[in-house]
Amino acid sequence: MAYVKLTDENFEQEVLKSDIPVLVDFWAEWCVPCKMLGPVIEELADEYAGKLKVCKLDVDDAPSTAGKFGVQSIPTVMVFNKGEQVTQTLGAQPKPNIVKLFEDLI
């Protein structure tokens, strides 16, 4: 498991203060599309280790952070760079679509 598990407590340090671009998967255990996207997120974590930080945030465990970023539908994937949200997508997307979100940043 090469991804970082996010919480309300570690989000700022792991994402907003990261030296490299960060992909955050907002998900929940009960969400079927989230489970479909899970293996793609894990592959990206392995493939882009050192160039992209890949994180997962369970919206049930970290509702404050999910609310702060306006997450109303899951899965939501957001990309952050230098502390700013730069892009996002909703729903279970194929891997090439997720890669397009961050490929210009690495």
PDB file of N, CA and C in Angstrom:
ATOM      1  N   MET A   1       0.853  -1.186   0.000  1.00  0.00           N
ATOM      2  CA  MET A   1       0.000   0.000   0.000  1.00  0.00           C
ATOM      3  C   MET A   1       0.892   1.239   0.000  1.00  0.00           C
ATOM      4  N   ALA A   2       1.038   1.854  -1.155  1.00  0.00           N
ATOM      5  CA  ALA A   2       1.948   2.989  -1.305  1.00  0.00           C
ATOM      6  C   ALA A   2       1.244   4.330  -1.111  1.00  0.00           C
ATOM      7  N   TYR A   3      -0.066   4.307  -0.889  1.00  0.00           N
ATOM      8  CA  TYR A   3      -0.773   5.575  -0.705  1.00  0.00           C
ATOM      9  C   TYR A   3      -0.808   5.968   0.771  1.00  0.00           C
ATOM     10  N   VAL A   4      -1.090   7.246   1.007  1.00  0.00           N
ATOM     11  CA  VAL A   4      -1.166   7.798   2.362  1.00  0.00           C
ATOM     12  C   VAL A   4      -2.633   7.875   2.761  1.00  0.00           C
ATOM     13  N   LYS A   5      -2.954   7.383   3.963  1.00  0.00           N
ATOM     14  CA  LYS A   5      -4.317   7.488   4.483  1.00  0.00           C
ATOM     15  C   LYS A   5      -4.452   8.848   5.160  1.00  0.00           C
ATOM     16  N   LEU A   6      -5.396   9.636   4.668  1.00  0.00           N
ATOM     17  CA  LEU A   6      -5.593  10.981   5.202  1.00  0.00           C
ATOM     18  C   LEU A   6      -6.672  11.023   6.272  1.00  0.00           C
ATOM     19  N   THR A   7      -6.499  11.973   7.178  1.00  0.00           N
ATOM     20  CA  THR A   7      -7.481  12.269   8.223  1.00  0.00           C
ATOM     21  C   THR A   7      -7.659  13.784   8.269  1.00  0.00           C
ATOM     22  N   ASP A   8      -8.638  14.241   9.051  1.00  0.00           N
ATOM     23  CA  ASP A   8      -8.785  15.685   9.241  1.00  0.00           C
ATOM     24  C   ASP A   8      -7.507  16.263   9.854  1.00  0.00           C
ATOM     25  N   GLU A   9      -6.841  15.468  10.692  1.00  0.00           N
ATOM     26  CA  GLU A   9      -5.660  15.946  11.408  1.00  0.00           C
ATOM     27  C   GLU A   9      -4.405  16.040  10.537  1.00  0.00           C
ATOM     28  N   ASN A  10      -4.219  15.128   9.585  1.00  0.00           N
ATOM     29  CA  ASN A  10      -2.966  15.139   8.822  1.00  0.00           C
ATOM     30  C   ASN A  10      -3.100  15.727   7.412  1.00  0.00           C
ATOM     31  N   PHE A  11      -4.292  16.155   7.020  1.00  0.00           N
ATOM     32  CA  PHE A  11      -4.515  16.642   5.657  1.00  0.00           C
ATOM     33  C   PHE A  11      -3.596  17.811   5.310  1.00  0.00           C
ATOM     34  N   GLU A  12      -3.533  18.801   6.167  1.00  0.00           N
ATOM     35  CA  GLU A  12      -2.716  19.979   5.864  1.00  0.00           C
ATOM     36  C   GLU A  12      -1.257  19.603   5.656  1.00  0.00           C
ATOM     37  N   GLN A  13      -0.718  18.798   6.556  1.00  0.00           N
ATOM     38  CA  GLN A  13       0.697  18.418   6.462  1.00  0.00           C
ATOM     39  C   GLN A  13       0.973  17.561   5.223  1.00  0.00           C
ATOM     40  N   GLU A  14       0.137  16.561   4.986  1.00  0.00           N
ATOM     41  CA  GLU A  14       0.376  15.617   3.894  1.00  0.00           C
ATOM     42  C   GLU A  14       0.055  16.186   2.509  1.00  0.00           C
ATOM     43  N   VAL A  15      -0.948  17.054   2.434  1.00  0.00           N
ATOM     44  CA  VAL A  15      -1.406  17.541   1.131  1.00  0.00           C
ATOM     45  C   VAL A  15      -0.981  18.987   0.873  1.00  0.00           C
ATOM     46  N   LEU A  16      -1.410  19.880   1.729  1.00  0.00           N
ATOM     47  CA  LEU A  16      -1.188  21.301   1.466  1.00  0.00           C
ATOM     48  C   LEU A  16       0.271  21.714   1.609  1.00  0.00           C
ATOM     49  N   LYS A  17       1.040  20.995   2.404  1.00  0.00           N
ATOM     50  CA  LYS A  17       2.451  21.332   2.595  1.00  0.00           C
ATOM     51  C   LYS A  17       3.394  20.396   1.841  1.00  0.00           C
ATOM     52  N   SER A  18       2.859  19.593   0.949  1.00  0.00           N
ATOM     53  CA  SER A  18       3.672  18.640   0.196  1.00  0.00           C
ATOM     54  C   SER A  18       4.578  19.350  -0.804  1.00  0.00           C
ATOM     55  N   ASP A  19       5.777  18.823  -0.969  1.00  0.00           N
ATOM     56  CA  ASP A  19       6.735  19.362  -1.937  1.00  0.00           C
ATOM     57  C   ASP A  19       6.458  18.881  -3.363  1.00  0.00           C
ATOM     58  N   ILE A  20       5.649  17.839  -3.500  1.00  0.00           N
ATOM     59  CA  ILE A  20       5.320  17.302  -4.819  1.00  0.00           C
ATOM     60  C   ILE A  20       3.797  17.331  -5.000  1.00  0.00           C
ATOM     61  N   PRO A  21       3.301  17.248  -6.227  1.00  0.00           N
ATOM     62  CA  PRO A  21       1.853  17.224  -6.450  1.00  0.00           C
ATOM     63  C   PRO A  21       1.201  16.061  -5.693  1.00  0.00           C
ATOM     64  N   VAL A  22      -0.049  16.266  -5.308  1.00  0.00           N
ATOM     65  CA  VAL A  22      -0.783  15.277  -4.505  1.00  0.00           C
ATOM     66  C   VAL A  22      -2.118  14.962  -5.166  1.00  0.00           C
ATOM     67  N   LEU A  23      -2.400  13.665  -5.302  1.00  0.00           N
ATOM     68  CA  LEU A  23      -3.695  13.198  -5.771  1.00  0.00           C
ATOM     69  C   LEU A  23      -4.450  12.689  -4.551  1.00  0.00           C
ATOM     70  N   VAL A  24      -5.669  13.182  -4.344  1.00  0.00           N
ATOM     71  CA  VAL A  24      -6.481  12.751  -3.201  1.00  0.00           C
ATOM     72  C   VAL A  24      -7.753  12.098  -3.717  1.00  0.00           C
ATOM     73  N   ASP A  25      -7.963  10.865  -3.281  1.00  0.00           N
ATOM     74  CA  ASP A  25      -9.181  10.119  -3.598  1.00  0.00           C
ATOM     75  C   ASP A  25     -10.110  10.228  -2.396  1.00  0.00           C
ATOM     76  N   PHE A  26     -11.206  10.967  -2.554  1.00  0.00           N
ATOM     77  CA  PHE A  26     -12.238  11.065  -1.516  1.00  0.00           C
ATOM     78  C   PHE A  26     -13.194   9.902  -1.757  1.00  0.00           C
ATOM     79  N   TRP A  27     -13.325   9.026  -0.776  1.00  0.00           N
ATOM     80  CA  TRP A  27     -14.073   7.790  -0.971  1.00  0.00           C
ATOM     81  C   TRP A  27     -14.748   7.378   0.330  1.00  0.00           C
ATOM     82  N   ALA A  28     -15.484   6.252   0.289  1.00  0.00           N
ATOM     83  CA  ALA A  28     -16.078   5.640   1.484  1.00  0.00           C
ATOM     84  C   ALA A  28     -16.153   4.129   1.266  1.00  0.00           C
ATOM     85  N   GLU A  29     -16.084   3.395   2.351  1.00  0.00           N
ATOM     86  CA  GLU A  29     -16.087   1.932   2.312  1.00  0.00           C
ATOM     87  C   GLU A  29     -17.349   1.374   1.650  1.00  0.00           C
ATOM     88  N   TRP A  30     -18.485   2.018   1.839  1.00  0.00           N
ATOM     89  CA  TRP A  30     -19.769   1.526   1.335  1.00  0.00           C
ATOM     90  C   TRP A  30     -20.034   1.897  -0.121  1.00  0.00           C
ATOM     91  N   CYS A  31     -19.169   2.676  -0.737  1.00  0.00           N
ATOM     92  CA  CYS A  31     -19.373   3.217  -2.082  1.00  0.00           C
ATOM     93  C   CYS A  31     -18.836   2.245  -3.143  1.00  0.00           C
ATOM     94  N   VAL A  32     -19.728   1.670  -3.932  1.00  0.00           N
ATOM     95  CA  VAL A  32     -19.325   0.694  -4.944  1.00  0.00           C
ATOM     96  C   VAL A  32     -18.419   1.308  -6.018  1.00  0.00           C
ATOM     97  N   PRO A  33     -18.764   2.472  -6.597  1.00  0.00           N
ATOM     98  CA  PRO A  33     -17.842   3.068  -7.574  1.00  0.00           C
ATOM     99  C   PRO A  33     -16.467   3.370  -6.959  1.00  0.00           C
ATOM    100  N   CYS A  34     -16.439   3.721  -5.679  1.00  0.00           N
ATOM    101  CA  CYS A  34     -15.161   3.975  -5.000  1.00  0.00           C
ATOM    102  C   CYS A  34     -14.311   2.703  -4.977  1.00  0.00           C
ATOM    103  N   LYS A  35     -14.954   1.580  -4.721  1.00  0.00           N
ATOM    104  CA  LYS A  35     -14.229   0.308  -4.686  1.00  0.00           C
ATOM    105  C   LYS A  35     -13.725  -0.070  -6.077  1.00  0.00           C
ATOM    106  N   MET A  36     -14.465   0.324  -7.110  1.00  0.00           N
ATOM    107  CA  MET A  36     -14.022   0.064  -8.480  1.00  0.00           C
ATOM    108  C   MET A  36     -12.781   0.909  -8.804  1.00  0.00           C
ATOM    109  N   LEU A  37     -12.731   2.125  -8.282  1.00  0.00           N
ATOM    110  CA  LEU A  37     -11.616   3.031  -8.539  1.00  0.00           C
ATOM    111  C   LEU A  37     -10.384   2.688  -7.690  1.00  0.00           C
ATOM    112  N   GLY A  38     -10.599   2.040  -6.565  1.00  0.00           N
ATOM    113  CA  GLY A  38      -9.509   1.738  -5.627  1.00  0.00           C
ATOM    114  C   GLY A  38      -8.264   1.120  -6.248  1.00  0.00           C
ATOM    115  N   PRO A  39      -8.379   0.055  -7.049  1.00  0.00           N
ATOM    116  CA  PRO A  39      -7.182  -0.547  -7.648  1.00  0.00           C
ATOM    117  C   PRO A  39      -6.424   0.407  -8.568  1.00  0.00           C
ATOM    118  N   VAL A  40      -7.135   1.297  -9.255  1.00  0.00           N
ATOM    119  CA  VAL A  40      -6.487   2.283 -10.122  1.00  0.00           C
ATOM    120  C   VAL A  40      -5.654   3.236  -9.271  1.00  0.00           C
ATOM    121  N   ILE A  41      -6.226   3.689  -8.164  1.00  0.00           N
ATOM    122  CA  ILE A  41      -5.516   4.610  -7.264  1.00  0.00           C
ATOM    123  C   ILE A  41      -4.257   3.932  -6.714  1.00  0.00           C
ATOM    124  N   GLU A  42      -4.364   2.673  -6.335  1.00  0.00           N
ATOM    125  CA  GLU A  42      -3.213   1.949  -5.805  1.00  0.00           C
ATOM    126  C   GLU A  42      -2.130   1.763  -6.873  1.00  0.00           C
ATOM    127  N   GLU A  43      -2.531   1.493  -8.119  1.00  0.00           N
ATOM    128  CA  GLU A  43      -1.557   1.378  -9.217  1.00  0.00           C
ATOM    129  C   GLU A  43      -0.812   2.692  -9.418  1.00  0.00           C
ATOM    130  N   LEU A  44      -1.541   3.793  -9.397  1.00  0.00           N
ATOM    131  CA  LEU A  44      -0.925   5.103  -9.577  1.00  0.00           C
ATOM    132  C   LEU A  44       0.059   5.401  -8.452  1.00  0.00           C
ATOM    133  N   ALA A  45      -0.292   5.012  -7.238  1.00  0.00           N
ATOM    134  CA  ALA A  45       0.596   5.234  -6.091  1.00  0.00           C
ATOM    135  C   ALA A  45       1.928   4.532  -6.312  1.00  0.00           C
ATOM    136  N   ASP A  46       1.872   3.314  -6.839  1.00  0.00           N
ATOM    137  CA  ASP A  46       3.102   2.557  -7.096  1.00  0.00           C
ATOM    138  C   ASP A  46       3.871   3.126  -8.287  1.00  0.00           C
ATOM    139  N   GLU A  47       3.164   3.408  -9.372  1.00  0.00           N
ATOM    140  CA  GLU A  47       3.810   3.845 -10.607  1.00  0.00           C
ATOM    141  C   GLU A  47       4.450   5.223 -10.506  1.00  0.00           C
ATOM    142  N   TYR A  48       3.857   6.107  -9.727  1.00  0.00           N
ATOM    143  CA  TYR A  48       4.344   7.488  -9.663  1.00  0.00           C
ATOM    144  C   TYR A  48       5.005   7.826  -8.323  1.00  0.00           C
ATOM    145  N   ALA A  49       5.391   6.803  -7.567  1.00  0.00           N
ATOM    146  CA  ALA A  49       6.044   7.023  -6.276  1.00  0.00           C
ATOM    147  C   ALA A  49       7.247   7.946  -6.449  1.00  0.00           C
ATOM    148  N   GLY A  50       7.340   8.954  -5.592  1.00  0.00           N
ATOM    149  CA  GLY A  50       8.438   9.906  -5.654  1.00  0.00           C
ATOM    150  C   GLY A  50       8.148  11.122  -6.510  1.00  0.00           C
ATOM    151  N   LYS A  51       7.184  10.993  -7.447  1.00  0.00           N
ATOM    152  CA  LYS A  51       6.826  12.116  -8.320  1.00  0.00           C
ATOM    153  C   LYS A  51       5.466  12.692  -7.963  1.00  0.00           C
ATOM    154  N   LEU A  52       4.601  11.824  -7.409  1.00  0.00           N
ATOM    155  CA  LEU A  52       3.232  12.190  -7.070  1.00  0.00           C
ATOM    156  C   LEU A  52       2.883  11.499  -5.757  1.00  0.00           C
ATOM    157  N   LYS A  53       2.373  12.251  -4.809  1.00  0.00           N
ATOM    158  CA  LYS A  53       1.904  11.641  -3.564  1.00  0.00           C
ATOM    159  C   LYS A  53       0.439  11.271  -3.771  1.00  0.00           C
ATOM    160  N   VAL A  54       0.116  10.012  -3.550  1.00  0.00           N
ATOM    161  CA  VAL A  54      -1.251   9.530  -3.725  1.00  0.00           C
ATOM    162  C   VAL A  54      -1.847   9.259  -2.351  1.00  0.00           C
ATOM    163  N   CYS A  55      -3.026   9.838  -2.114  1.00  0.00           N
ATOM    164  CA  CYS A  55      -3.672   9.747  -0.802  1.00  0.00           C
ATOM    165  C   CYS A  55      -5.129   9.342  -0.956  1.00  0.00           C
ATOM    166  N   LYS A  56      -5.644   8.714   0.103  1.00  0.00           N
ATOM    167  CA  LYS A  56      -7.065   8.368   0.156  1.00  0.00           C
ATOM    168  C   LYS A  56      -7.643   8.972   1.428  1.00  0.00           C
ATOM    169  N   LEU A  57      -8.820   9.588   1.298  1.00  0.00           N
ATOM    170  CA  LEU A  57      -9.492  10.178   2.438  1.00  0.00           C
ATOM    171  C   LEU A  57     -10.895   9.600   2.520  1.00  0.00           C
ATOM    172  N   ASP A  58     -11.167   8.853   3.584  1.00  0.00           N
ATOM    173  CA  ASP A  58     -12.498   8.285   3.809  1.00  0.00           C
ATOM    174  C   ASP A  58     -13.394   9.409   4.323  1.00  0.00           C
ATOM    175  N   VAL A  59     -14.406   9.784   3.545  1.00  0.00           N
ATOM    176  CA  VAL A  59     -15.249  10.922   3.904  1.00  0.00           C
ATOM    177  C   VAL A  59     -16.030  10.687   5.200  1.00  0.00           C
ATOM    178  N   ASP A  60     -16.247   9.432   5.564  1.00  0.00           N
ATOM    179  CA  ASP A  60     -16.928   9.136   6.824  1.00  0.00           C
ATOM    180  C   ASP A  60     -16.009   9.371   8.018  1.00  0.00           C
ATOM    181  N   ASP A  61     -14.706   9.167   7.816  1.00  0.00           N
ATOM    182  CA  ASP A  61     -13.729   9.357   8.890  1.00  0.00           C
ATOM    183  C   ASP A  61     -13.212  10.789   8.964  1.00  0.00           C
ATOM    184  N   ALA A  62     -13.331  11.543   7.890  1.00  0.00           N
ATOM    185  CA  ALA A  62     -12.802  12.907   7.841  1.00  0.00           C
ATOM    186  C   ALA A  62     -13.828  13.855   7.209  1.00  0.00           C
ATOM    187  N   PRO A  63     -15.006  13.974   7.833  1.00  0.00           N
ATOM    188  CA  PRO A  63     -16.065  14.788   7.233  1.00  0.00           C
ATOM    189  C   PRO A  63     -15.730  16.279   7.170  1.00  0.00           C
ATOM    190  N   SER A  64     -14.938  16.761   8.082  1.00  0.00           N
ATOM    191  CA  SER A  64     -14.587  18.178   8.092  1.00  0.00           C
ATOM    192  C   SER A  64     -13.808  18.559   6.833  1.00  0.00           C
ATOM    193  N   THR A  65     -12.806  17.755   6.496  1.00  0.00           N
ATOM    194  CA  THR A  65     -11.994  18.033   5.303  1.00  0.00           C
ATOM    195  C   THR A  65     -12.820  17.866   4.036  1.00  0.00           C
ATOM    196  N   ALA A  66     -13.620  16.815   3.964  1.00  0.00           N
ATOM    197  CA  ALA A  66     -14.470  16.601   2.792  1.00  0.00           C
ATOM    198  C   ALA A  66     -15.407  17.796   2.597  1.00  0.00           C
ATOM    199  N   GLY A  67     -15.973  18.286   3.683  1.00  0.00           N
ATOM    200  CA  GLY A  67     -16.863  19.443   3.615  1.00  0.00           C
ATOM    201  C   GLY A  67     -16.134  20.703   3.190  1.00  0.00           C
ATOM    202  N   LYS A  68     -14.937  20.893   3.703  1.00  0.00           N
ATOM    203  CA  LYS A  68     -14.144  22.086   3.380  1.00  0.00           C
ATOM    204  C   LYS A  68     -13.890  22.194   1.879  1.00  0.00           C
ATOM    205  N   PHE A  69     -13.730  21.050   1.213  1.00  0.00           N
ATOM    206  CA  PHE A  69     -13.457  21.057  -0.219  1.00  0.00           C
ATOM    207  C   PHE A  69     -14.705  20.793  -1.058  1.00  0.00           C
ATOM    208  N   GLY A  70     -15.883  20.858  -0.420  1.00  0.00           N
ATOM    209  CA  GLY A  70     -17.140  20.770  -1.144  1.00  0.00           C
ATOM    210  C   GLY A  70     -17.439  19.426  -1.760  1.00  0.00           C
ATOM    211  N   VAL A  71     -16.904  18.360  -1.176  1.00  0.00           N
ATOM    212  CA  VAL A  71     -17.149  17.020  -1.717  1.00  0.00           C
ATOM    213  C   VAL A  71     -18.578  16.609  -1.375  1.00  0.00           C
ATOM    214  N   GLN A  72     -19.408  16.496  -2.405  1.00  0.00           N
ATOM    215  CA  GLN A  72     -20.801  16.101  -2.217  1.00  0.00           C
ATOM    216  C   GLN A  72     -21.107  14.758  -2.854  1.00  0.00           C
ATOM    217  N   SER A  73     -20.221  14.312  -3.734  1.00  0.00           N
ATOM    218  CA  SER A  73     -20.410  13.054  -4.438  1.00  0.00           C
ATOM    219  C   SER A  73     -19.079  12.308  -4.422  1.00  0.00           C
ATOM    220  N   ILE A  74     -19.146  11.004  -4.239  1.00  0.00           N
ATOM    221  CA  ILE A  74     -17.917  10.210  -4.240  1.00  0.00           C
ATOM    222  C   ILE A  74     -18.062   9.066  -5.229  1.00  0.00           C
ATOM    223  N   PRO A  75     -16.954   8.605  -5.788  1.00  0.00           N
ATOM    224  CA  PRO A  75     -15.606   9.095  -5.559  1.00  0.00           C
ATOM    225  C   PRO A  75     -15.358  10.448  -6.229  1.00  0.00           C
ATOM    226  N   THR A  76     -14.610  11.282  -5.536  1.00  0.00           N
ATOM    227  CA  THR A  76     -14.097  12.532  -6.090  1.00  0.00           C
ATOM    228  C   THR A  76     -12.582  12.450  -6.002  1.00  0.00           C
ATOM    229  N   VAL A  77     -11.918  12.733  -7.091  1.00  0.00           N
ATOM    230  CA  VAL A  77     -10.453  12.754  -7.107  1.00  0.00           C
ATOM    231  C   VAL A  77     -10.022  14.187  -7.355  1.00  0.00           C
ATOM    232  N   MET A  78      -9.191  14.706  -6.448  1.00  0.00           N
ATOM    233  CA  MET A  78      -8.659  16.063  -6.593  1.00  0.00           C
ATOM    234  C   MET A  78      -7.146  16.005  -6.665  1.00  0.00           C
ATOM    235  N   VAL A  79      -6.584  16.949  -7.410  1.00  0.00           N
ATOM    236  CA  VAL A  79      -5.136  17.080  -7.480  1.00  0.00           C
ATOM    237  C   VAL A  79      -4.760  18.437  -6.896  1.00  0.00           C
ATOM    238  N   PHE A  80      -3.782  18.416  -6.010  1.00  0.00           N
ATOM    239  CA  PHE A  80      -3.271  19.622  -5.366  1.00  0.00           C
ATOM    240  C   PHE A  80      -1.821  19.811  -5.776  1.00  0.00           C
ATOM    241  N   ASN A  81      -1.433  21.068  -5.944  1.00  0.00           N
ATOM    242  CA  ASN A  81      -0.047  21.397  -6.249  1.00  0.00           C
ATOM    243  C   ASN A  81       0.307  22.682  -5.501  1.00  0.00           C
ATOM    244  N   LYS A  82       1.387  22.629  -4.745  1.00  0.00           N
ATOM    245  CA  LYS A  82       1.848  23.786  -3.968  1.00  0.00           C
ATOM    246  C   LYS A  82       0.750  24.326  -3.062  1.00  0.00           C
ATOM    247  N   GLY A  83      -0.018  23.425  -2.458  1.00  0.00           N
ATOM    248  CA  GLY A  83      -1.039  23.816  -1.495  1.00  0.00           C
ATOM    249  C   GLY A  83      -2.363  24.249  -2.070  1.00  0.00           C
ATOM    250  N   GLU A  84      -2.499  24.223  -3.385  1.00  0.00           N
ATOM    251  CA  GLU A  84      -3.738  24.661  -4.037  1.00  0.00           C
ATOM    252  C   GLU A  84      -4.378  23.511  -4.803  1.00  0.00           C
ATOM    253  N   GLN A  85      -5.708  23.449  -4.741  1.00  0.00           N
ATOM    254  CA  GLN A  85      -6.422  22.472  -5.557  1.00  0.00           C
ATOM    255  C   GLN A  85      -6.369  22.949  -7.005  1.00  0.00           C
ATOM    256  N   VAL A  86      -5.901  22.090  -7.906  1.00  0.00           N
ATOM    257  CA  VAL A  86      -5.766  22.501  -9.304  1.00  0.00           C
ATOM    258  C   VAL A  86      -6.777  21.846 -10.238  1.00  0.00           C
ATOM    259  N   THR A  87      -7.274  20.678  -9.892  1.00  0.00           N
ATOM    260  CA  THR A  87      -8.246  20.006 -10.753  1.00  0.00           C
ATOM    261  C   THR A  87      -8.971  18.926  -9.967  1.00  0.00           C
ATOM    262  N   GLN A  88     -10.073  18.444 -10.538  1.00  0.00           N
ATOM    263  CA  GLN A  88     -10.811  17.346  -9.907  1.00  0.00           C
ATOM    264  C   GLN A  88     -11.669  16.638 -10.933  1.00  0.00           C
ATOM    265  N   THR A  89     -12.098  15.445 -10.573  1.00  0.00           N
ATOM    266  CA  THR A  89     -13.032  14.684 -11.384  1.00  0.00           C
ATOM    267  C   THR A  89     -13.958  13.915 -10.452  1.00  0.00           C
ATOM    268  N   LEU A  90     -15.146  13.605 -10.942  1.00  0.00           N
ATOM    269  CA  LEU A  90     -16.128  12.865 -10.153  1.00  0.00           C
ATOM    270  C   LEU A  90     -16.391  11.508 -10.781  1.00  0.00           C
ATOM    271  N   GLY A  91     -16.704  10.537  -9.937  1.00  0.00           N
ATOM    272  CA  GLY A  91     -17.068   9.215 -10.422  1.00  0.00           C
ATOM    273  C   GLY A  91     -15.873   8.323 -10.683  1.00  0.00           C
ATOM    274  N   ALA A  92     -16.153   7.060 -10.897  1.00  0.00           N
ATOM    275  CA  ALA A  92     -15.100   6.077 -11.194  1.00  0.00           C
ATOM    276  C   ALA A  92     -14.640   6.288 -12.636  1.00  0.00           C
ATOM    277  N   GLN A  93     -13.442   6.782 -12.785  1.00  0.00           N
ATOM    278  CA  GLN A  93     -12.890   7.102 -14.093  1.00  0.00           C
ATOM    279  C   GLN A  93     -11.845   6.060 -14.485  1.00  0.00           C
ATOM    280  N   PRO A  94     -11.658   5.844 -15.800  1.00  0.00           N
ATOM    281  CA  PRO A  94     -10.578   4.956 -16.223  1.00  0.00           C
ATOM    282  C   PRO A  94      -9.215   5.604 -15.936  1.00  0.00           C
ATOM    283  N   LYS A  95      -8.221   4.770 -15.794  1.00  0.00           N
ATOM    284  CA  LYS A  95      -6.883   5.224 -15.427  1.00  0.00           C
ATOM    285  C   LYS A  95      -6.360   6.372 -16.298  1.00  0.00           C
ATOM    286  N   PRO A  96      -6.477   6.309 -17.629  1.00  0.00           N
ATOM    287  CA  PRO A  96      -5.955   7.421 -18.440  1.00  0.00           C
ATOM    288  C   PRO A  96      -6.578   8.776 -18.081  1.00  0.00           C
ATOM    289  N   ASN A  97      -7.852   8.775 -17.712  1.00  0.00           N
ATOM    290  CA  ASN A  97      -8.513  10.021 -17.322  1.00  0.00           C
ATOM    291  C   ASN A  97      -7.925  10.577 -16.023  1.00  0.00           C
ATOM    292  N   ILE A  98      -7.587   9.702 -15.109  1.00  0.00           N
ATOM    293  CA  ILE A  98      -6.995  10.137 -13.837  1.00  0.00           C
ATOM    294  C   ILE A  98      -5.588  10.676 -14.095  1.00  0.00           C
ATOM    295  N   VAL A  99      -4.826   9.993 -14.924  1.00  0.00           N
ATOM    296  CA  VAL A  99      -3.457  10.431 -15.237  1.00  0.00           C
ATOM    297  C   VAL A  99      -3.469  11.834 -15.854  1.00  0.00           C
ATOM    298  N   LYS A 100      -4.451  12.128 -16.696  1.00  0.00           N
ATOM    299  CA  LYS A 100      -4.541  13.444 -17.330  1.00  0.00           C
ATOM    300  C   LYS A 100      -4.673  14.563 -16.302  1.00  0.00           C
ATOM    301  N   LEU A 101      -5.189  14.246 -15.122  1.00  0.00           N
ATOM    302  CA  LEU A 101      -5.371  15.263 -14.093  1.00  0.00           C
ATOM    303  C   LEU A 101      -4.043  15.821 -13.575  1.00  0.00           C
ATOM    304  N   PHE A 102      -3.009  14.975 -13.585  1.00  0.00           N
ATOM    305  CA  PHE A 102      -1.737  15.394 -12.968  1.00  0.00           C
ATOM    306  C   PHE A 102      -0.526  15.315 -13.877  1.00  0.00           C
ATOM    307  N   GLU A 103      -0.651  14.774 -15.083  1.00  0.00           N
ATOM    308  CA  GLU A 103       0.534  14.521 -15.896  1.00  0.00           C
ATOM    309  C   GLU A 103       1.330  15.791 -16.217  1.00  0.00           C
ATOM    310  N   ASP A 104       0.690  16.925 -16.305  1.00  0.00           N
ATOM    311  CA  ASP A 104       1.409  18.169 -16.596  1.00  0.00           C
ATOM    312  C   ASP A 104       2.178  18.699 -15.377  1.00  0.00           C
ATOM    313  N   LEU A 105       1.907  18.148 -14.204  1.00  0.00           N
ATOM    314  CA  LEU A 105       2.518  18.651 -12.969  1.00  0.00           C
ATOM    315  C   LEU A 105       3.779  17.886 -12.558  1.00  0.00           C
ATOM    316  N   ILE A 106       3.993  16.711 -13.169  1.00  0.00           N
ATOM    317  CA  ILE A 106       5.137  15.911 -12.723  1.00  0.00           C
ATOM    318  C   ILE A 106       6.273  15.911 -13.742  1.00  0.00           C
TER     319      ILE A 106
END
